[in-house]
């Protein structure tokens, strides 16, 4: 595990065997252990091994704090709760029914990932209703020895929440603050379907700014500081990605060719402003064809 602050660490779960693609935050203290975004079931062995190396058993974990229920963030929740009944999952109320019965969630993901579903995500199991704590935003909760303020931060997903720890100045912001794989690297907004909303997302960025965190903790990947320039870059790149997709929709050809045009444009942007080794990992963390689809859906709904 990598230390972040007193009683806060994080694990690289090596999604698809790649470093710095998915991070799980670990809160550990006298109040027990909590995981923020435990990741997919396909990486559980890596997560458990990293915890064990730090002297933490999965049996010590009592809380799974989910920023949202996309499979790269929350896919392992049902498996974990069934294996360790003391665990309780915290999630926005909009998506609690999809945790209890993930049939529609899995069907939606299968339309995107097809035959790669099991290889990418592993099992996606139901979470017993009694093991779910419903959030709406505005709550203050104690987990892993830390007090956290919950804020509703949609835009990337309509059910996204973020967790703010005032003692350390760390904000656990899931995907609302985008993707940055290394210090000074490109801040990429992940925009997969089905419910990207650029206006609402900008409101959520403003909410995070007003909280004035010292450090943004990103599921993809790890801590980013200082927060103001990161959030400013995210806003600029959200505008950039939206403009490119809107431009692509005016091009002749198929949606597949428009996806490819957008992906090439984003690769040029990222490769010009990040480390060479990071460029491919951005596509693993947020496939560009899916980013195009999310924004294309957004623009088509508006027109």
C-alpha atoms as a PDB file:
ATOM      1  CA  UNK A   1       0.000   0.000   0.000  1.00  0.00           C
ATOM      2  CA  UNK A   2       1.037   3.588  -0.640  1.00  0.00           C
ATOM      3  CA  UNK A   3       0.643   6.072   2.251  1.00  0.00           C
ATOM      4  CA  UNK A   4      -1.404   9.203   1.643  1.00  0.00           C
ATOM      5  CA  UNK A   5      -2.058  10.669   5.106  1.00  0.00           C
ATOM      6  CA  UNK A   6      -2.237   9.408   8.676  1.00  0.00           C
ATOM      7  CA  UNK A   7      -4.554   6.404   8.563  1.00  0.00           C
ATOM      8  CA  UNK A   8      -5.139   6.734   4.801  1.00  0.00           C
ATOM      9  CA  UNK A   9      -3.377   4.648   2.148  1.00  0.00           C
ATOM     10  CA  UNK A  10      -4.162   3.328  -1.296  1.00  0.00           C
ATOM     11  CA  UNK A  11      -3.636   0.174  -3.330  1.00  0.00           C
ATOM     12  CA  UNK A  12      -2.843  -0.196  -7.009  1.00  0.00           C
ATOM     13  CA  UNK A  13      -5.018  -3.172  -7.986  1.00  0.00           C
ATOM     14  CA  UNK A  14      -3.213  -3.591 -11.346  1.00  0.00           C
ATOM     15  CA  UNK A  15      -6.329  -3.756 -13.503  1.00  0.00           C
ATOM     16  CA  UNK A  16      -5.569  -5.865 -16.594  1.00  0.00           C
ATOM     17  CA  UNK A  17      -2.065  -6.277 -15.182  1.00  0.00           C
ATOM     18  CA  UNK A  18      -1.351  -2.592 -15.784  1.00  0.00           C
ATOM     19  CA  UNK A  19      -0.019  -0.268 -13.068  1.00  0.00           C
ATOM     20  CA  UNK A  20      -1.764   3.023 -12.224  1.00  0.00           C
ATOM     21  CA  UNK A  21      -5.109   2.209 -13.823  1.00  0.00           C
ATOM     22  CA  UNK A  22      -7.326   1.705 -10.737  1.00  0.00           C
ATOM     23  CA  UNK A  23      -6.639   2.759  -7.149  1.00  0.00           C
ATOM     24  CA  UNK A  24      -8.584   1.691  -4.065  1.00  0.00           C
ATOM     25  CA  UNK A  25      -8.336   4.023  -1.076  1.00  0.00           C
ATOM     26  CA  UNK A  26      -7.950   2.397   2.353  1.00  0.00           C
ATOM     27  CA  UNK A  27      -8.995   4.153   5.558  1.00  0.00           C
ATOM     28  CA  UNK A  28      -7.617   2.333   8.599  1.00  0.00           C
ATOM     29  CA  UNK A  29      -7.780   3.272  12.243  1.00  0.00           C
ATOM     30  CA  UNK A  30      -9.306   2.478  15.597  1.00  0.00           C
ATOM     31  CA  UNK A  31     -12.733   2.600  13.953  1.00  0.00           C
ATOM     32  CA  UNK A  32     -11.890  -0.307  11.666  1.00  0.00           C
ATOM     33  CA  UNK A  33     -11.090  -0.391   7.951  1.00  0.00           C
ATOM     34  CA  UNK A  34     -13.016   1.107   5.026  1.00  0.00           C
ATOM     35  CA  UNK A  35     -12.370   0.807   1.304  1.00  0.00           C
ATOM     36  CA  UNK A  36     -13.325   3.537  -1.144  1.00  0.00           C
ATOM     37  CA  UNK A  37     -14.087   2.088  -4.604  1.00  0.00           C
ATOM     38  CA  UNK A  38     -12.911  -1.529  -4.151  1.00  0.00           C
ATOM     39  CA  UNK A  39     -12.736  -2.048  -7.934  1.00  0.00           C
ATOM     40  CA  UNK A  40     -13.892  -5.060  -9.953  1.00  0.00           C
ATOM     41  CA  UNK A  41     -13.934  -8.676  -8.787  1.00  0.00           C
ATOM     42  CA  UNK A  42     -11.208  -9.456 -11.332  1.00  0.00           C
ATOM     43  CA  UNK A  43      -8.681  -7.551  -9.169  1.00  0.00           C
ATOM     44  CA  UNK A  44      -9.780  -8.749  -5.720  1.00  0.00           C
ATOM     45  CA  UNK A  45      -6.841 -11.107  -5.291  1.00  0.00           C
ATOM     46  CA  UNK A  46      -4.408  -8.235  -5.840  1.00  0.00           C
ATOM     47  CA  UNK A  47      -6.307  -6.007  -3.423  1.00  0.00           C
ATOM     48  CA  UNK A  48      -6.444  -8.686  -0.724  1.00  0.00           C
ATOM     49  CA  UNK A  49      -2.736  -9.455  -1.088  1.00  0.00           C
ATOM     50  CA  UNK A  50      -1.792  -5.772  -0.746  1.00  0.00           C
ATOM     51  CA  UNK A  51      -3.940  -5.407   2.361  1.00  0.00           C
ATOM     52  CA  UNK A  52      -2.488  -8.571   3.874  1.00  0.00           C
ATOM     53  CA  UNK A  53       1.059  -7.299   3.280  1.00  0.00           C
ATOM     54  CA  UNK A  54       0.095  -4.260   5.393  1.00  0.00           C
ATOM     55  CA  UNK A  55      -1.356  -6.456   8.129  1.00  0.00           C
ATOM     56  CA  UNK A  56      -4.996  -5.903   7.157  1.00  0.00           C
ATOM     57  CA  UNK A  57      -7.380  -8.800   6.584  1.00  0.00           C
ATOM     58  CA  UNK A  58     -10.526  -8.501   4.494  1.00  0.00           C
ATOM     59  CA  UNK A  59     -12.294  -9.558   7.686  1.00  0.00           C
ATOM     60  CA  UNK A  60     -11.183  -6.228   9.178  1.00  0.00           C
ATOM     61  CA  UNK A  61     -13.069  -4.253   6.513  1.00  0.00           C
ATOM     62  CA  UNK A  62     -16.509  -3.080   7.620  1.00  0.00           C
ATOM     63  CA  UNK A  63     -17.369  -0.361   5.062  1.00  0.00           C
ATOM     64  CA  UNK A  64     -17.270  -0.150   1.271  1.00  0.00           C
ATOM     65  CA  UNK A  65     -17.709   3.477   0.245  1.00  0.00           C
ATOM     66  CA  UNK A  66     -18.719   3.703  -3.405  1.00  0.00           C
ATOM     67  CA  UNK A  67     -18.445   6.901  -5.414  1.00  0.00           C
ATOM     68  CA  UNK A  68     -20.655   5.285  -8.079  1.00  0.00           C
ATOM     69  CA  UNK A  69     -21.503   1.819  -9.354  1.00  0.00           C
ATOM     70  CA  UNK A  70     -19.572   1.589 -12.619  1.00  0.00           C
ATOM     71  CA  UNK A  71     -17.871  -1.796 -12.614  1.00  0.00           C
ATOM     72  CA  UNK A  72     -14.302  -0.473 -12.433  1.00  0.00           C
ATOM     73  CA  UNK A  73     -15.239   1.187  -9.135  1.00  0.00           C
ATOM     74  CA  UNK A  74     -17.821  -1.060  -7.514  1.00  0.00           C
ATOM     75  CA  UNK A  75     -18.059  -4.352  -9.376  1.00  0.00           C
ATOM     76  CA  UNK A  76     -16.574  -6.351  -6.478  1.00  0.00           C
ATOM     77  CA  UNK A  77     -19.077  -5.113  -3.885  1.00  0.00           C
ATOM     78  CA  UNK A  78     -21.487  -8.053  -4.053  1.00  0.00           C
ATOM     79  CA  UNK A  79     -18.678 -10.589  -3.946  1.00  0.00           C
ATOM     80  CA  UNK A  80     -17.067  -8.898  -0.937  1.00  0.00           C
ATOM     81  CA  UNK A  81     -20.281  -8.564   1.058  1.00  0.00           C
ATOM     82  CA  UNK A  82     -21.201 -12.195   0.455  1.00  0.00           C
ATOM     83  CA  UNK A  83     -17.754 -13.379   1.548  1.00  0.00           C
ATOM     84  CA  UNK A  84     -17.597 -10.990   4.522  1.00  0.00           C
ATOM     85  CA  UNK A  85     -21.107 -10.332   5.890  1.00  0.00           C
ATOM     86  CA  UNK A  86     -19.884  -7.619   8.298  1.00  0.00           C
ATOM     87  CA  UNK A  87     -19.253  -5.302   5.377  1.00  0.00           C
ATOM     88  CA  UNK A  88     -21.745  -2.622   4.483  1.00  0.00           C
ATOM     89  CA  UNK A  89     -21.857  -0.779   1.180  1.00  0.00           C
ATOM     90  CA  UNK A  90     -22.497   2.980   1.053  1.00  0.00           C
ATOM     91  CA  UNK A  91     -24.034   4.164  -2.196  1.00  0.00           C
ATOM     92  CA  UNK A  92     -26.315   6.865  -3.605  1.00  0.00           C
ATOM     93  CA  UNK A  93     -29.988   5.980  -3.405  1.00  0.00           C
ATOM     94  CA  UNK A  94     -30.472   6.238  -7.171  1.00  0.00           C
ATOM     95  CA  UNK A  95     -28.382   3.142  -7.738  1.00  0.00           C
ATOM     96  CA  UNK A  96     -29.128   1.067  -4.645  1.00  0.00           C
ATOM     97  CA  UNK A  97     -31.749  -0.979  -6.578  1.00  0.00           C
ATOM     98  CA  UNK A  98     -29.093  -1.840  -9.181  1.00  0.00           C
ATOM     99  CA  UNK A  99     -26.801  -3.127  -6.436  1.00  0.00           C
ATOM    100  CA  UNK A 100     -29.557  -5.322  -5.018  1.00  0.00           C
ATOM    101  CA  UNK A 101     -30.437  -6.605  -8.491  1.00  0.00           C
ATOM    102  CA  UNK A 102     -27.566  -5.930 -10.931  1.00  0.00           C
ATOM    103  CA  UNK A 103     -29.284  -7.538 -13.929  1.00  0.00           C
ATOM    104  CA  UNK A 104     -29.827  -4.257 -15.798  1.00  0.00           C
ATOM    105  CA  UNK A 105     -26.374  -2.981 -14.825  1.00  0.00           C
ATOM    106  CA  UNK A 106     -24.736  -6.119 -16.205  1.00  0.00           C
ATOM    107  CA  UNK A 107     -26.851  -6.027 -19.366  1.00  0.00           C
ATOM    108  CA  UNK A 108     -25.888  -2.406 -19.994  1.00  0.00           C
ATOM    109  CA  UNK A 109     -22.192  -3.157 -19.467  1.00  0.00           C
ATOM    110  CA  UNK A 110     -22.410  -6.229 -21.712  1.00  0.00           C
ATOM    111  CA  UNK A 111     -23.636  -4.042 -24.577  1.00  0.00           C
ATOM    112  CA  UNK A 112     -20.403  -2.049 -24.209  1.00  0.00           C
ATOM    113  CA  UNK A 113     -17.871  -4.808 -23.452  1.00  0.00           C
ATOM    114  CA  UNK A 114     -19.369  -7.918 -25.061  1.00  0.00           C
ATOM    115  CA  UNK A 115     -17.354 -11.101 -24.678  1.00  0.00           C
ATOM    116  CA  UNK A 116     -14.725  -9.293 -22.573  1.00  0.00           C
ATOM    117  CA  UNK A 117     -17.087  -8.869 -19.600  1.00  0.00           C
ATOM    118  CA  UNK A 118     -15.804 -11.749 -17.468  1.00  0.00           C
ATOM    119  CA  UNK A 119     -12.150 -11.120 -18.288  1.00  0.00           C
ATOM    120  CA  UNK A 120     -12.413  -7.428 -17.423  1.00  0.00           C
ATOM    121  CA  UNK A 121     -14.735  -7.449 -14.436  1.00  0.00           C
ATOM    122  CA  UNK A 122     -15.216 -10.955 -13.048  1.00  0.00           C
ATOM    123  CA  UNK A 123     -18.357 -11.699 -11.051  1.00  0.00           C
ATOM    124  CA  UNK A 124     -20.948  -8.969 -10.493  1.00  0.00           C
ATOM    125  CA  UNK A 125     -23.104 -10.348  -7.678  1.00  0.00           C
ATOM    126  CA  UNK A 126     -26.184  -8.910  -5.949  1.00  0.00           C
ATOM    127  CA  UNK A 127     -25.720  -7.073  -2.660  1.00  0.00           C
ATOM    128  CA  UNK A 128     -28.228  -7.984   0.069  1.00  0.00           C
ATOM    129  CA  UNK A 129     -30.543  -5.044   0.728  1.00  0.00           C
ATOM    130  CA  UNK A 130     -29.701  -5.118   4.425  1.00  0.00           C
ATOM    131  CA  UNK A 131     -26.025  -4.542   3.618  1.00  0.00           C
ATOM    132  CA  UNK A 132     -26.633  -1.231   1.814  1.00  0.00           C
ATOM    133  CA  UNK A 133     -26.516   2.218   3.411  1.00  0.00           C
ATOM    134  CA  UNK A 134     -28.298   4.724   1.169  1.00  0.00           C
ATOM    135  CA  UNK A 135     -26.772   8.177   0.624  1.00  0.00           C
ATOM    136  CA  UNK A 136     -28.222  11.292  -0.968  1.00  0.00           C
ATOM    137  CA  UNK A 137     -25.469  13.828  -0.229  1.00  0.00           C
ATOM    138  CA  UNK A 138     -25.134  15.987   2.846  1.00  0.00           C
ATOM    139  CA  UNK A 139     -24.488  13.145   5.273  1.00  0.00           C
ATOM    140  CA  UNK A 140     -21.593  12.942   7.696  1.00  0.00           C
ATOM    141  CA  UNK A 141     -20.393   9.385   8.260  1.00  0.00           C
ATOM    142  CA  UNK A 142     -17.663   7.675  10.286  1.00  0.00           C
ATOM    143  CA  UNK A 143     -15.719   4.959   8.493  1.00  0.00           C
ATOM    144  CA  UNK A 144     -12.241   3.519   8.900  1.00  0.00           C
ATOM    145  CA  UNK A 145     -11.480   5.832  11.806  1.00  0.00           C
ATOM    146  CA  UNK A 146     -12.253   8.958   9.757  1.00  0.00           C
ATOM    147  CA  UNK A 147     -15.170  11.359   9.605  1.00  0.00           C
ATOM    148  CA  UNK A 148     -16.315  11.995   6.040  1.00  0.00           C
ATOM    149  CA  UNK A 149     -18.734  14.506   4.566  1.00  0.00           C
ATOM    150  CA  UNK A 150     -20.723  13.168   1.634  1.00  0.00           C
ATOM    151  CA  UNK A 151     -21.536  15.395  -1.354  1.00  0.00           C
ATOM    152  CA  UNK A 152     -23.665  14.619  -4.386  1.00  0.00           C
ATOM    153  CA  UNK A 153     -21.404  15.187  -7.427  1.00  0.00           C
ATOM    154  CA  UNK A 154     -23.158  14.019 -10.618  1.00  0.00           C
ATOM    155  CA  UNK A 155     -22.179  14.695 -14.222  1.00  0.00           C
ATOM    156  CA  UNK A 156     -20.039  11.662 -14.940  1.00  0.00           C
ATOM    157  CA  UNK A 157     -22.819   9.531 -13.479  1.00  0.00           C
ATOM    158  CA  UNK A 158     -26.205  10.665 -12.202  1.00  0.00           C
ATOM    159  CA  UNK A 159     -25.621   8.789  -8.929  1.00  0.00           C
ATOM    160  CA  UNK A 160     -22.049   9.914  -8.202  1.00  0.00           C
ATOM    161  CA  UNK A 161     -21.032  11.007  -4.700  1.00  0.00           C
ATOM    162  CA  UNK A 162     -17.719  12.239  -3.257  1.00  0.00           C
ATOM    163  CA  UNK A 163     -16.297  11.932   0.242  1.00  0.00           C
ATOM    164  CA  UNK A 164     -14.453  14.815   1.955  1.00  0.00           C
ATOM    165  CA  UNK A 165     -12.193  14.400   4.999  1.00  0.00           C
ATOM    166  CA  UNK A 166     -11.689  17.769   6.643  1.00  0.00           C
ATOM    167  CA  UNK A 167      -8.892  16.608   8.973  1.00  0.00           C
ATOM    168  CA  UNK A 168      -6.531  15.710   6.136  1.00  0.00           C
ATOM    169  CA  UNK A 169      -7.929  17.888   3.344  1.00  0.00           C
ATOM    170  CA  UNK A 170      -8.383  14.830   1.113  1.00  0.00           C
ATOM    171  CA  UNK A 171     -11.386  14.624  -1.232  1.00  0.00           C
ATOM    172  CA  UNK A 172     -12.218  11.175  -2.608  1.00  0.00           C
ATOM    173  CA  UNK A 173     -13.798  12.215  -5.877  1.00  0.00           C
ATOM    174  CA  UNK A 174     -14.086   9.039  -7.964  1.00  0.00           C
ATOM    175  CA  UNK A 175     -14.417  10.102 -11.604  1.00  0.00           C
ATOM    176  CA  UNK A 176     -15.923  13.553 -11.077  1.00  0.00           C
ATOM    177  CA  UNK A 177     -12.409  15.072 -11.006  1.00  0.00           C
ATOM    178  CA  UNK A 178     -11.283  13.044 -14.023  1.00  0.00           C
ATOM    179  CA  UNK A 179      -8.211  10.926 -14.671  1.00  0.00           C
ATOM    180  CA  UNK A 180      -4.586  11.912 -14.132  1.00  0.00           C
ATOM    181  CA  UNK A 181      -1.979   9.162 -14.094  1.00  0.00           C
ATOM    182  CA  UNK A 182       1.067  11.115 -12.945  1.00  0.00           C
ATOM    183  CA  UNK A 183       1.947  14.507 -11.521  1.00  0.00           C
ATOM    184  CA  UNK A 184       1.559  17.181 -14.174  1.00  0.00           C
ATOM    185  CA  UNK A 185      -0.086  14.742 -16.574  1.00  0.00           C
ATOM    186  CA  UNK A 186      -3.126  15.312 -18.739  1.00  0.00           C
ATOM    187  CA  UNK A 187      -6.457  15.516 -16.864  1.00  0.00           C
ATOM    188  CA  UNK A 188      -8.858  13.395 -18.911  1.00  0.00           C
ATOM    189  CA  UNK A 189     -12.627  13.538 -18.340  1.00  0.00           C
ATOM    190  CA  UNK A 190     -14.046   9.986 -18.598  1.00  0.00           C
ATOM    191  CA  UNK A 191     -17.356  10.284 -20.490  1.00  0.00           C
ATOM    192  CA  UNK A 192     -18.886   6.829 -21.048  1.00  0.00           C
ATOM    193  CA  UNK A 193     -22.632   6.322 -21.513  1.00  0.00           C
ATOM    194  CA  UNK A 194     -25.335   6.417 -20.371  1.00  0.00           C
ATOM    195  CA  UNK A 195     -25.817   9.666 -18.393  1.00  0.00           C
ATOM    196  CA  UNK A 196     -23.050  12.188 -19.094  1.00  0.00           C
ATOM    197  CA  UNK A 197     -24.274  15.734 -18.447  1.00  0.00           C
ATOM    198  CA  UNK A 198     -21.763  18.504 -19.066  1.00  0.00           C
ATOM    199  CA  UNK A 199     -23.682  21.298 -17.327  1.00  0.00           C
ATOM    200  CA  UNK A 200     -24.318  19.240 -14.206  1.00  0.00           C
ATOM    201  CA  UNK A 201     -20.690  18.064 -14.214  1.00  0.00           C
ATOM    202  CA  UNK A 202     -19.482  21.665 -14.206  1.00  0.00           C
ATOM    203  CA  UNK A 203     -21.710  22.355 -11.209  1.00  0.00           C
ATOM    204  CA  UNK A 204     -20.069  19.414  -9.413  1.00  0.00           C
ATOM    205  CA  UNK A 205     -16.596  20.735 -10.225  1.00  0.00           C
ATOM    206  CA  UNK A 206     -17.661  24.042  -8.688  1.00  0.00           C
ATOM    207  CA  UNK A 207     -18.895  22.246  -5.568  1.00  0.00           C
ATOM    208  CA  UNK A 208     -15.525  20.494  -5.160  1.00  0.00           C
ATOM    209  CA  UNK A 209     -13.707  23.816  -5.653  1.00  0.00           C
ATOM    210  CA  UNK A 210     -15.797  25.460  -2.933  1.00  0.00           C
ATOM    211  CA  UNK A 211     -14.826  22.690  -0.504  1.00  0.00           C
ATOM    212  CA  UNK A 212     -11.178  23.742  -1.043  1.00  0.00           C
ATOM    213  CA  UNK A 213      -9.554  20.320  -0.619  1.00  0.00           C
ATOM    214  CA  UNK A 214      -5.778  20.109  -0.459  1.00  0.00           C
ATOM    215  CA  UNK A 215      -5.656  16.773  -2.299  1.00  0.00           C
ATOM    216  CA  UNK A 216      -7.954  15.133  -4.827  1.00  0.00           C
ATOM    217  CA  UNK A 217      -7.917  11.357  -4.638  1.00  0.00           C
ATOM    218  CA  UNK A 218      -8.733   9.896  -8.055  1.00  0.00           C
ATOM    219  CA  UNK A 219      -9.718   6.292  -8.642  1.00  0.00           C
ATOM    220  CA  UNK A 220      -7.659   6.707 -11.850  1.00  0.00           C
ATOM    221  CA  UNK A 221      -5.105   7.259 -10.350  1.00  0.00           C
ATOM    222  CA  UNK A 222      -4.225   8.259  -6.820  1.00  0.00           C
ATOM    223  CA  UNK A 223      -3.574  11.669  -5.239  1.00  0.00           C
ATOM    224  CA  UNK A 224      -3.432  14.887  -7.265  1.00  0.00           C
ATOM    225  CA  UNK A 225      -2.443  18.238  -5.804  1.00  0.00           C
ATOM    226  CA  UNK A 226      -2.864  21.157  -5.706  1.00  0.00           C
ATOM    227  CA  UNK A 227      -6.549  20.921  -6.469  1.00  0.00           C
ATOM    228  CA  UNK A 228      -7.275  24.287  -8.182  1.00  0.00           C
ATOM    229  CA  UNK A 229      -5.094  23.837 -11.303  1.00  0.00           C
ATOM    230  CA  UNK A 230      -6.247  20.219 -11.616  1.00  0.00           C
ATOM    231  CA  UNK A 231      -9.910  21.231 -11.604  1.00  0.00           C
ATOM    232  CA  UNK A 232      -9.221  24.085 -14.002  1.00  0.00           C
ATOM    233  CA  UNK A 233      -7.558  21.686 -16.450  1.00  0.00           C
ATOM    234  CA  UNK A 234     -10.470  19.272 -16.091  1.00  0.00           C
ATOM    235  CA  UNK A 235     -12.935  22.012 -17.042  1.00  0.00           C
ATOM    236  CA  UNK A 236     -10.879  22.947 -20.096  1.00  0.00           C
ATOM    237  CA  UNK A 237     -10.603  19.336 -21.247  1.00  0.00           C
ATOM    238  CA  UNK A 238     -14.303  18.692 -20.660  1.00  0.00           C
ATOM    239  CA  UNK A 239     -14.958  21.552 -23.080  1.00  0.00           C
ATOM    240  CA  UNK A 240     -12.371  20.150 -25.496  1.00  0.00           C
ATOM    241  CA  UNK A 241     -13.818  16.622 -25.497  1.00  0.00           C
ATOM    242  CA  UNK A 242     -17.357  17.924 -25.863  1.00  0.00           C
ATOM    243  CA  UNK A 243     -16.354  20.157 -28.785  1.00  0.00           C
ATOM    244  CA  UNK A 244     -14.512  17.344 -30.569  1.00  0.00           C
ATOM    245  CA  UNK A 245     -17.442  14.951 -30.300  1.00  0.00           C
ATOM    246  CA  UNK A 246     -19.883  17.618 -31.447  1.00  0.00           C
ATOM    247  CA  UNK A 247     -17.610  18.305 -34.419  1.00  0.00           C
ATOM    248  CA  UNK A 248     -17.382  14.598 -35.206  1.00  0.00           C
ATOM    249  CA  UNK A 249     -21.163  14.319 -35.423  1.00  0.00           C
ATOM    250  CA  UNK A 250     -21.118  16.663 -38.423  1.00  0.00           C
ATOM    251  CA  UNK A 251     -18.671  14.423 -40.315  1.00  0.00           C
ATOM    252  CA  UNK A 252     -19.783  12.108 -43.105  1.00  0.00           C
ATOM    253  CA  UNK A 253     -19.513   8.391 -42.459  1.00  0.00           C
ATOM    254  CA  UNK A 254     -20.495   5.960 -39.727  1.00  0.00           C
ATOM    255  CA  UNK A 255     -20.402   6.278 -35.973  1.00  0.00           C
ATOM    256  CA  UNK A 256     -17.471   3.873 -35.993  1.00  0.00           C
ATOM    257  CA  UNK A 257     -15.476   6.264 -38.169  1.00  0.00           C
ATOM    258  CA  UNK A 258     -16.494   9.182 -35.921  1.00  0.00           C
ATOM    259  CA  UNK A 259     -15.341   7.243 -32.856  1.00  0.00           C
ATOM    260  CA  UNK A 260     -11.996   6.594 -34.532  1.00  0.00           C
ATOM    261  CA  UNK A 261     -11.620  10.274 -35.507  1.00  0.00           C
ATOM    262  CA  UNK A 262     -12.276  11.358 -31.921  1.00  0.00           C
ATOM    263  CA  UNK A 263      -9.918   8.706 -30.481  1.00  0.00           C
ATOM    264  CA  UNK A 264      -7.090   9.878 -32.758  1.00  0.00           C
ATOM    265  CA  UNK A 265      -7.687  13.495 -31.732  1.00  0.00           C
ATOM    266  CA  UNK A 266      -7.597  12.632 -28.015  1.00  0.00           C
ATOM    267  CA  UNK A 267      -4.448  10.538 -28.415  1.00  0.00           C
ATOM    268  CA  UNK A 268      -2.700  13.527 -29.987  1.00  0.00           C
ATOM    269  CA  UNK A 269      -3.790  15.765 -27.115  1.00  0.00           C
ATOM    270  CA  UNK A 270      -2.634  13.314 -24.453  1.00  0.00           C
ATOM    271  CA  UNK A 271       0.637  12.297 -26.070  1.00  0.00           C
ATOM    272  CA  UNK A 272       1.610  15.932 -26.438  1.00  0.00           C
ATOM    273  CA  UNK A 273       1.087  16.602 -22.737  1.00  0.00           C
ATOM    274  CA  UNK A 274       1.981  13.473 -20.769  1.00  0.00           C
ATOM    275  CA  UNK A 275       4.609  10.799 -20.309  1.00  0.00           C
ATOM    276  CA  UNK A 276       4.926   8.328 -23.172  1.00  0.00           C
ATOM    277  CA  UNK A 277       4.289   5.305 -20.927  1.00  0.00           C
ATOM    278  CA  UNK A 278       1.022   6.807 -19.668  1.00  0.00           C
ATOM    279  CA  UNK A 279      -0.693   7.256 -23.035  1.00  0.00           C
ATOM    280  CA  UNK A 280      -1.895   3.660 -23.379  1.00  0.00           C
ATOM    281  CA  UNK A 281      -2.972   3.446 -19.738  1.00  0.00           C
ATOM    282  CA  UNK A 282      -5.372   6.354 -20.266  1.00  0.00           C
ATOM    283  CA  UNK A 283      -7.167   4.237 -22.855  1.00  0.00           C
ATOM    284  CA  UNK A 284      -7.347   1.306 -20.432  1.00  0.00           C
ATOM    285  CA  UNK A 285      -8.779   3.490 -17.674  1.00  0.00           C
ATOM    286  CA  UNK A 286     -11.245   5.246 -20.009  1.00  0.00           C
ATOM    287  CA  UNK A 287     -11.578   3.721 -23.508  1.00  0.00           C
ATOM    288  CA  UNK A 288     -11.865   6.534 -26.019  1.00  0.00           C
ATOM    289  CA  UNK A 289     -14.575   4.846 -28.070  1.00  0.00           C
ATOM    290  CA  UNK A 290     -16.790   4.751 -24.975  1.00  0.00           C
ATOM    291  CA  UNK A 291     -15.944   8.373 -24.185  1.00  0.00           C
ATOM    292  CA  UNK A 292     -17.183   9.277 -27.655  1.00  0.00           C
ATOM    293  CA  UNK A 293     -20.398   7.312 -27.173  1.00  0.00           C
ATOM    294  CA  UNK A 294     -21.219   9.017 -23.894  1.00  0.00           C
ATOM    295  CA  UNK A 295     -20.789  12.503 -25.335  1.00  0.00           C
ATOM    296  CA  UNK A 296     -22.495  11.617 -28.616  1.00  0.00           C
ATOM    297  CA  UNK A 297     -25.511  10.444 -26.620  1.00  0.00           C
ATOM    298  CA  UNK A 298     -25.428  13.708 -24.656  1.00  0.00           C
ATOM    299  CA  UNK A 299     -25.414  15.891 -27.794  1.00  0.00           C
ATOM    300  CA  UNK A 300     -28.028  13.826 -29.606  1.00  0.00           C
ATOM    301  CA  UNK A 301     -30.387  14.010 -26.637  1.00  0.00           C
ATOM    302  CA  UNK A 302     -30.052  17.801 -26.691  1.00  0.00           C
ATOM    303  CA  UNK A 303     -30.835  18.059 -30.398  1.00  0.00           C
END
